[in-house]
Amino acid sequence: MKRIVSIQDISCFGKCSLTVALPIISAMGIETCVVPTAVLSTHTGTGFEGYTYHDLTADIPAIAAHWKRLGLRFDAICTGYLGSKEQVQIVSDFFNTFATPQCKVIVDPVMGDKGQYYKGFDDSFAHQMRQLCRKADVIMPNMTEAALLLGEPYRGERCDEAFIKELLKRLSGLGTRIVMLTGVHVDDTHQGVACYNSETGDFFNCLSQNIPGYFHSTGDVFSATFAGALVKGFPLERALRIAVDFTVDCIRHTLGHEKEHWYGVMFEECLPQLIANTKQ
């Protein structure tokens, strides 16, 4: 059985981070290990003011040390939201310990959106995250995070193909093999992911029809699904298509239920179709 470790926070309610990654990757038939970086009562989106937060930074090295003594091996290491520069450095050390040539390192450099840093992040955090991305096989920034990683102005979500290709190439210069840009708008009706494989020189887009509205947790759904599909052995372009299609399916399934599920997409009822689509 393949094995993935996901390193990110637990939001006890709200359908994001580990509470998304664990069920999705497990449903795909992959053993899922977790390294929780923090425990929150809910996610931090609008509507959940007053949430609790317990930092687990000090626990991560001890978890890694125990796993090293056990001789654990992983087919992929995936990271999501990391709450501090200290956590980024600890995760970098985790890569040094557990990343082998056979282990895929997938980094979602969560830092900001819509041209702004998330609360608590700044340029020094972006510098630290840039160093972490150098150790990754795959990075998947959104357009804001791409600008922050490169230290340049944010130009918005809507960009032409030539600019996207140049941006992908420059991001690959950080040292990563595969770069995926999420939330790319190529026109008024379609959005999705643009990808560049620096080993082959191939570019490709994976787009879907734009669905109006804002849906929490879709980034976590996408990254977990992509990691699972890649580890199961699907070719890069096919793994990306599986992840985009499943994310869109979750959004469509949630339409009409936004009032009850404003805090996250209803991915659970879509899992049987994902299982069917990824069975090998």
Protein backbone atom coordinates (compact mmCIF):
# COMPACT_ATOMS: atom_id res chain seq x y z
CA MET A 1 0.00 0.00 0.00
CA LYS A 2 1.25 3.49 -0.87
CA ARG A 3 1.76 5.94 2.01
CA ILE A 4 1.47 9.74 2.12
CA VAL A 5 2.19 12.06 5.05
CA SER A 6 0.28 15.34 5.17
CA ILE A 7 1.74 18.19 7.23
CA GLN A 8 -0.76 20.93 8.07
CA ASP A 9 -3.23 22.07 10.72
CA ILE A 10 -6.40 20.44 12.03
CA SER A 11 -9.48 22.64 11.96
CA CYS A 12 -11.89 20.59 14.05
CA PHE A 13 -14.90 22.02 12.19
CA GLY A 14 -14.93 23.63 8.77
CA LYS A 15 -13.81 21.09 6.16
CA CYS A 16 -10.25 22.12 5.43
CA SER A 17 -6.62 21.12 5.91
CA LEU A 18 -6.21 17.67 7.50
CA THR A 19 -9.95 17.03 7.85
CA VAL A 20 -10.06 17.19 4.04
CA ALA A 21 -6.73 15.57 3.19
CA LEU A 22 -7.15 12.52 5.43
CA PRO A 23 -10.50 11.29 4.07
CA ILE A 24 -9.76 12.08 0.42
CA ILE A 25 -6.34 10.43 0.29
CA SER A 26 -7.58 7.45 2.33
CA ALA A 27 -10.59 6.99 0.03
CA MET A 28 -8.16 6.70 -2.89
CA GLY A 29 -6.66 3.62 -1.23
CA ILE A 30 -3.53 5.27 0.16
CA GLU A 31 -2.40 5.00 3.76
CA THR A 32 -2.48 8.52 5.17
CA CYS A 33 -0.25 9.70 8.00
CA VAL A 34 -0.59 13.16 9.52
CA VAL A 35 1.66 15.68 11.22
CA PRO A 36 -0.66 18.30 12.74
CA THR A 37 0.95 21.73 13.01
CA ALA A 38 -1.86 23.25 15.10
CA VAL A 39 -5.35 22.46 16.35
CA LEU A 40 -8.09 25.03 15.77
CA SER A 41 -11.74 24.82 16.81
CA THR A 42 -12.74 25.99 13.30
CA HIS A 43 -11.00 27.38 10.26
CA THR A 44 -10.21 31.08 10.25
CA GLY A 45 -12.57 32.27 7.52
CA THR A 46 -15.20 34.96 7.91
CA GLY A 47 -17.98 33.76 10.20
CA PHE A 48 -15.73 31.89 12.60
CA GLU A 49 -14.44 34.74 14.75
CA GLY A 50 -13.34 33.71 18.25
CA TYR A 51 -11.87 30.36 17.22
CA THR A 52 -9.41 28.58 19.51
CA TYR A 53 -5.83 27.91 18.41
CA HIS A 54 -3.28 25.52 19.91
CA ASP A 55 0.21 25.61 18.40
CA LEU A 56 1.89 22.21 17.96
CA THR A 57 5.23 23.44 16.63
CA ALA A 58 7.15 21.90 19.52
CA ASP A 59 5.62 18.47 18.87
CA ILE A 60 6.72 18.12 15.24
CA PRO A 61 10.43 17.31 15.83
CA ALA A 62 9.47 14.65 18.39
CA ILE A 63 7.04 13.04 15.94
CA ALA A 64 9.74 13.03 13.26
CA ALA A 65 12.31 11.54 15.65
CA HIS A 66 9.95 8.73 16.66
CA TRP A 67 9.10 7.96 13.03
CA LYS A 68 12.81 7.89 12.17
CA ARG A 69 13.41 5.32 14.91
CA LEU A 70 10.55 3.26 13.48
CA GLY A 71 12.14 3.43 10.03
CA LEU A 72 9.00 4.80 8.37
CA ARG A 73 9.11 5.49 4.63
CA PHE A 74 6.73 7.58 2.53
CA ASP A 75 5.76 7.73 -1.13
CA ALA A 76 4.97 11.44 -0.79
CA ILE A 77 5.26 14.26 1.72
CA CYS A 78 2.65 16.99 1.29
CA THR A 79 2.54 20.33 3.09
CA GLY A 80 -0.26 22.84 3.47
CA TYR A 81 -0.71 25.80 5.81
CA LEU A 82 2.38 26.38 7.97
CA GLY A 83 1.84 29.03 10.60
CA SER A 84 5.33 30.41 11.22
CA LYS A 85 8.89 30.63 9.93
CA GLU A 86 9.87 28.18 12.67
CA GLN A 87 7.43 25.62 11.32
CA VAL A 88 8.77 26.08 7.79
CA GLN A 89 12.31 25.35 9.03
CA ILE A 90 11.14 22.30 10.98
CA VAL A 91 9.36 20.98 7.88
CA SER A 92 12.53 21.59 5.86
CA ASP A 93 14.36 19.41 8.38
CA PHE A 94 11.61 16.79 8.00
CA PHE A 95 12.30 16.74 4.25
CA ASN A 96 15.98 16.18 4.96
CA THR A 97 15.13 13.17 7.11
CA PHE A 98 12.40 11.47 5.09
CA ALA A 99 12.56 12.64 1.47
CA THR A 100 14.19 9.98 -0.71
CA PRO A 101 14.54 9.83 -4.51
CA GLN A 102 11.39 7.67 -4.54
CA CYS A 103 9.41 10.08 -2.33
CA LYS A 104 7.54 12.95 -4.00
CA VAL A 105 7.68 16.24 -2.08
CA ILE A 106 4.62 18.41 -2.77
CA VAL A 107 4.48 21.93 -1.31
CA ASP A 108 1.45 24.18 -1.31
CA PRO A 109 3.10 27.48 -0.29
CA VAL A 110 0.10 28.91 1.54
CA MET A 111 0.75 32.60 2.19
CA GLY A 112 -1.95 34.79 0.70
CA ASP A 113 -4.62 35.49 -1.89
CA LYS A 114 -5.98 38.34 -4.00
CA GLY A 115 -2.70 40.23 -3.83
CA GLN A 116 -2.36 40.23 -0.03
CA TYR A 117 -0.59 38.19 2.61
CA TYR A 118 -2.74 36.22 5.00
CA LYS A 119 -2.71 37.62 8.53
CA GLY A 120 0.61 37.03 10.27
CA PHE A 121 2.72 36.57 7.12
CA ASP A 122 5.25 38.99 5.62
CA ASP A 123 8.22 39.16 3.25
CA SER A 124 10.48 37.30 5.68
CA PHE A 125 8.03 34.40 5.71
CA ALA A 126 7.98 34.40 1.91
CA HIS A 127 11.78 34.18 1.91
CA GLN A 128 11.62 31.14 4.18
CA MET A 129 8.92 29.53 2.05
CA ARG A 130 11.05 30.14 -1.05
CA GLN A 131 13.79 28.02 0.51
CA LEU A 132 11.31 25.24 1.26
CA CYS A 133 10.09 25.25 -2.34
CA ARG A 134 13.66 24.60 -3.51
CA LYS A 135 13.37 21.14 -1.93
CA ALA A 136 10.04 20.27 -3.56
CA ASP A 137 9.29 18.14 -6.59
CA VAL A 138 5.97 19.95 -7.06
CA ILE A 139 4.80 23.37 -5.90
CA MET A 140 1.28 24.71 -6.36
CA PRO A 141 1.04 28.44 -5.58
CA ASN A 142 -1.90 30.61 -6.51
CA MET A 143 -1.23 33.80 -8.47
CA THR A 144 -0.66 35.85 -5.30
CA GLU A 145 1.75 33.32 -3.84
CA ALA A 146 3.62 33.10 -7.14
CA ALA A 147 4.26 36.85 -7.00
CA LEU A 148 5.33 36.64 -3.34
CA LEU A 149 7.73 33.78 -4.04
CA LEU A 150 9.34 35.77 -6.85
CA GLY A 151 9.30 39.04 -4.93
CA GLU A 152 7.41 40.93 -7.61
CA PRO A 153 4.11 42.86 -7.88
CA TYR A 154 0.84 40.95 -8.11
CA ARG A 155 -0.77 41.33 -11.54
CA GLY A 156 -4.17 39.81 -10.83
CA GLU A 157 -5.76 36.46 -11.66
CA ARG A 158 -6.44 37.25 -15.32
CA CYS A 159 -3.27 36.96 -17.41
CA ASP A 160 -2.46 35.99 -20.96
CA GLU A 161 -0.83 32.70 -21.90
CA ALA A 162 2.58 34.21 -22.62
CA PHE A 163 2.80 35.77 -19.16
CA ILE A 164 1.67 32.53 -17.47
CA LYS A 165 4.35 30.51 -19.28
CA GLU A 166 7.05 33.00 -18.32
CA LEU A 167 5.84 32.99 -14.71
CA LEU A 168 5.91 29.19 -14.57
CA LYS A 169 9.46 29.12 -15.94
CA ARG A 170 10.69 31.64 -13.40
CA LEU A 171 9.06 29.71 -10.56
CA SER A 172 10.79 26.54 -11.73
CA GLY A 173 14.02 28.47 -11.30
CA LEU A 174 13.51 28.10 -7.55
CA GLY A 175 14.67 24.52 -8.09
CA THR A 176 11.41 22.60 -8.29
CA ARG A 177 10.68 20.15 -11.11
CA ILE A 178 6.95 20.76 -11.57
CA VAL A 179 5.14 24.07 -11.06
CA MET A 180 1.37 24.40 -11.00
CA LEU A 181 -0.40 27.77 -10.86
CA THR A 182 -3.87 27.54 -9.35
CA GLY A 183 -6.74 29.96 -9.80
CA VAL A 184 -5.67 30.98 -13.31
CA HIS A 185 -8.29 32.88 -15.33
CA VAL A 186 -7.59 32.74 -19.06
CA ASP A 187 -10.90 34.37 -20.03
CA ASP A 188 -14.24 35.39 -18.51
CA THR A 189 -15.73 31.90 -18.58
CA HIS A 190 -12.92 29.49 -17.66
CA GLN A 191 -10.46 29.07 -14.85
CA GLY A 192 -8.21 26.32 -13.57
CA VAL A 193 -4.58 25.31 -13.28
CA ALA A 194 -1.57 25.94 -15.50
CA CYS A 195 1.36 23.52 -15.26
CA TYR A 196 4.99 23.37 -16.36
CA ASN A 197 7.27 20.34 -16.24
CA SER A 198 10.82 21.70 -16.34
CA GLU A 199 12.29 18.25 -17.09
CA THR A 200 10.35 17.83 -20.34
CA GLY A 201 9.68 21.49 -21.15
CA ASP A 202 5.96 20.75 -21.45
CA PHE A 203 3.26 23.29 -20.62
CA PHE A 204 -0.41 22.46 -20.29
CA ASN A 205 -3.58 23.93 -18.84
CA CYS A 206 -6.36 22.11 -17.04
CA LEU A 207 -9.42 24.34 -17.11
CA SER A 208 -13.07 24.15 -16.20
CA GLN A 209 -16.06 26.41 -16.61
CA ASN A 210 -16.04 29.24 -14.11
CA ILE A 211 -18.60 28.78 -11.31
CA PRO A 212 -19.56 32.11 -9.67
CA GLY A 213 -19.13 32.35 -5.92
CA TYR A 214 -16.53 31.63 -3.28
CA PHE A 215 -16.20 28.16 -1.77
CA HIS A 216 -13.97 27.40 1.20
CA SER A 217 -11.68 24.35 1.19
CA THR A 218 -11.44 23.88 -2.59
CA GLY A 219 -7.66 24.40 -2.54
CA ASP A 220 -7.27 21.67 0.07
CA VAL A 221 -9.55 19.35 -1.90
CA PHE A 222 -7.51 19.95 -5.05
CA SER A 223 -4.08 19.43 -3.48
CA ALA A 224 -5.08 16.24 -1.64
CA THR A 225 -6.66 14.75 -4.75
CA PHE A 226 -3.70 15.62 -6.93
CA ALA A 227 -1.22 14.12 -4.45
CA GLY A 228 -3.23 10.92 -4.24
CA ALA A 229 -3.57 10.57 -8.00
CA LEU A 230 0.13 11.21 -8.58
CA VAL A 231 1.19 8.67 -5.95
CA LYS A 232 -1.20 6.10 -7.43
CA GLY A 233 0.85 6.32 -10.62
CA PHE A 234 -1.31 8.44 -12.89
CA PRO A 235 0.68 10.55 -15.39
CA LEU A 236 1.07 14.19 -14.39
CA GLU A 237 -1.50 15.60 -16.80
CA ARG A 238 -4.06 12.91 -15.91
CA ALA A 239 -3.49 13.41 -12.15
CA LEU A 240 -4.09 17.13 -12.62
CA ARG A 241 -7.29 16.50 -14.58
CA ILE A 242 -8.57 14.15 -11.88
CA ALA A 243 -7.91 16.77 -9.19
CA VAL A 244 -9.54 19.64 -11.10
CA ASP A 245 -12.59 17.57 -12.06
CA PHE A 246 -13.13 16.32 -8.51
CA THR A 247 -12.83 19.85 -7.10
CA VAL A 248 -15.39 21.11 -9.62
CA ASP A 249 -17.69 18.17 -8.82
CA CYS A 250 -17.55 19.11 -5.13
CA ILE A 251 -18.44 22.72 -5.91
CA ARG A 252 -21.35 21.72 -8.14
CA HIS A 253 -22.61 19.30 -5.51
CA THR A 254 -22.59 22.14 -2.99
CA LEU A 255 -24.55 24.55 -5.21
CA GLY A 256 -27.96 25.13 -3.70
CA HIS A 257 -26.66 24.29 -0.24
CA GLU A 258 -24.39 27.30 0.24
CA LYS A 259 -26.39 28.61 3.20
CA GLU A 260 -25.91 25.42 5.20
CA HIS A 261 -22.39 24.67 3.94
CA TRP A 262 -20.91 28.15 3.55
CA TYR A 263 -17.84 26.96 5.48
CA GLY A 264 -16.75 24.26 3.00
CA VAL A 265 -17.74 22.14 0.03
CA MET A 266 -19.71 18.92 0.43
CA PHE A 267 -16.90 16.67 -0.74
CA GLU A 268 -17.97 13.62 1.27
CA GLU A 269 -20.84 12.61 -0.99
CA CYS A 270 -18.57 12.91 -4.04
CA LEU A 271 -16.01 10.41 -2.76
CA PRO A 272 -17.60 7.31 -4.35
CA GLN A 273 -17.12 8.80 -7.82
CA LEU A 274 -13.51 9.71 -7.01
CA ILE A 275 -12.88 6.16 -5.87
CA ALA A 276 -14.34 4.84 -9.12
CA ASN A 277 -12.30 7.28 -11.24
CA THR A 278 -8.99 6.43 -9.57
CA LYS A 279 -9.33 2.67 -9.28
CA GLN A 280 -6.43 0.89 -11.01
